[in-house]
Amino acid sequence: MEKMEFAFDAGQPASGRTVAGVVASGDLEVLLEPGQPGRTTVAVQTSVDGYGATWTSLLERVLGPGSLPAARIEINDNGATPGVVRMRIEQAFEEAAQESNAGGNTP
């Protein structure tokens, strides 16, 4: 089990909170909640050791430009591929925005 933490520049805080995905069958879950303005933090817990460089590269591509809302993100991984990781992060941001627009939040 490996744990990693990352931080990225971001915009204004995300509008809501959400959970995307489940930890089972080689998948992962992404928990997202609003963060401090200008900063996104990511905590990754993965069952696959030794992929720190891969996580760094992937998260820099997804979150590095600073164009996404500020958030606190927790990723619980069970060996998901980089494509699934990216999809779940994007899904979490979309669902958080939809929840906010609908006037509710999911835990």
Protein backbone atom coordinates (compact mmCIF):
# COMPACT_ATOMS: atom_id res chain seq x y z
CA MET A 1 0.00 0.00 0.00
CA GLU A 2 1.45 3.35 -1.02
CA LYS A 3 0.28 6.82 0.00
CA MET A 4 1.17 9.99 -1.91
CA GLU A 5 0.21 13.66 -1.68
CA PHE A 6 0.22 16.31 -4.39
CA ALA A 7 -0.71 19.99 -4.71
CA PHE A 8 -1.60 22.02 -7.81
CA ASP A 9 -2.60 25.56 -8.67
CA ALA A 10 -6.33 25.94 -9.28
CA GLY A 11 -9.13 28.46 -9.69
CA GLN A 12 -11.95 29.26 -7.30
CA PRO A 13 -13.30 26.47 -5.06
CA ALA A 14 -15.35 23.68 -6.56
CA SER A 15 -19.09 24.19 -6.19
CA GLY A 16 -19.94 20.96 -4.41
CA ARG A 17 -18.79 17.58 -3.19
CA THR A 18 -19.13 14.18 -4.72
CA VAL A 19 -17.88 10.60 -4.93
CA ALA A 20 -17.11 9.05 -8.32
CA GLY A 21 -16.39 5.36 -8.80
CA VAL A 22 -15.94 2.46 -6.42
CA VAL A 23 -12.88 0.61 -5.16
CA ALA A 24 -13.38 -2.87 -6.59
CA SER A 25 -12.30 -4.96 -9.55
CA GLY A 26 -9.30 -2.81 -10.48
CA ASP A 27 -11.16 0.47 -10.22
CA LEU A 28 -10.89 3.43 -7.91
CA GLU A 29 -12.96 6.04 -6.16
CA VAL A 30 -12.44 9.78 -6.22
CA LEU A 31 -13.80 11.84 -3.32
CA LEU A 32 -13.94 15.55 -4.11
CA GLU A 33 -14.89 18.55 -1.99
CA PRO A 34 -14.27 22.29 -2.35
CA GLY A 35 -10.75 23.39 -1.51
CA GLN A 36 -9.02 26.64 -0.66
CA PRO A 37 -9.08 29.21 -3.50
CA GLY A 38 -6.15 28.76 -5.86
CA ARG A 39 -5.10 25.29 -4.65
CA THR A 40 -6.04 21.68 -5.29
CA THR A 41 -4.63 18.98 -3.03
CA VAL A 42 -4.68 15.30 -3.90
CA ALA A 43 -4.15 12.40 -1.50
CA VAL A 44 -3.66 9.05 -3.26
CA GLN A 45 -3.81 5.69 -1.54
CA THR A 46 -3.03 2.85 -3.93
CA SER A 47 -2.63 -0.89 -3.66
CA VAL A 48 0.11 -0.76 -6.30
CA ASP A 49 3.55 0.31 -5.04
CA GLY A 50 6.25 1.97 -7.12
CA TYR A 51 4.15 4.08 -9.49
CA GLY A 52 4.82 7.52 -7.98
CA ALA A 53 6.26 8.89 -11.24
CA THR A 54 3.22 7.66 -13.17
CA TRP A 55 0.83 9.29 -10.67
CA THR A 56 2.82 12.53 -10.80
CA SER A 57 2.76 12.64 -14.60
CA LEU A 58 -0.94 11.79 -14.84
CA LEU A 59 -2.07 14.28 -12.21
CA GLU A 60 0.09 17.03 -13.75
CA ARG A 61 -1.67 16.45 -17.09
CA VAL A 62 -5.14 16.49 -15.53
CA LEU A 63 -4.74 19.15 -12.83
CA GLY A 64 -1.53 20.98 -13.74
CA PRO A 65 -2.84 23.75 -15.98
CA GLY A 66 -4.71 25.35 -13.05
CA SER A 67 -7.92 25.70 -15.05
CA LEU A 68 -10.04 23.45 -12.82
CA PRO A 69 -11.77 24.55 -9.59
CA ALA A 70 -9.89 24.31 -6.30
CA ALA A 71 -10.62 21.05 -4.50
CA ARG A 72 -9.50 18.55 -1.91
CA ILE A 73 -9.36 15.20 -3.67
CA GLU A 74 -8.90 11.78 -2.13
CA ILE A 75 -8.20 8.89 -4.48
CA ASN A 76 -8.49 5.30 -3.28
CA ASP A 77 -7.02 3.09 -5.99
CA ASN A 78 -7.12 -0.65 -6.55
CA GLY A 79 -4.91 -0.79 -9.65
CA ALA A 80 -6.91 1.34 -12.10
CA THR A 81 -5.37 2.30 -15.42
CA PRO A 82 -4.37 5.95 -16.05
CA GLY A 83 -7.35 6.35 -18.40
CA VAL A 84 -9.76 5.34 -15.66
CA VAL A 85 -8.06 7.66 -13.17
CA ARG A 86 -8.44 10.62 -15.52
CA MET A 87 -12.06 9.72 -16.30
CA ARG A 88 -12.99 9.47 -12.60
CA ILE A 89 -11.35 12.80 -11.74
CA GLU A 90 -13.17 14.53 -14.60
CA GLN A 91 -16.41 12.76 -13.61
CA ALA A 92 -16.04 13.98 -10.02
CA PHE A 93 -15.62 17.62 -11.11
CA GLU A 94 -18.65 17.32 -13.43
CA GLU A 95 -20.82 15.70 -10.75
CA ALA A 96 -19.82 18.30 -8.15
CA ALA A 97 -20.85 21.09 -10.53
CA GLN A 98 -24.15 19.34 -11.34
CA GLU A 99 -24.93 18.79 -7.64
CA SER A 100 -24.27 22.45 -6.95
CA ASN A 101 -26.51 23.54 -9.82
CA ALA A 102 -29.25 21.20 -8.59
CA GLY A 103 -29.01 22.68 -5.09
CA GLY A 104 -27.82 19.58 -3.27
CA ASN A 105 -24.64 17.85 -2.22
CA THR A 106 -23.80 14.20 -1.97
CA PRO A 107 -21.71 12.97 0.94
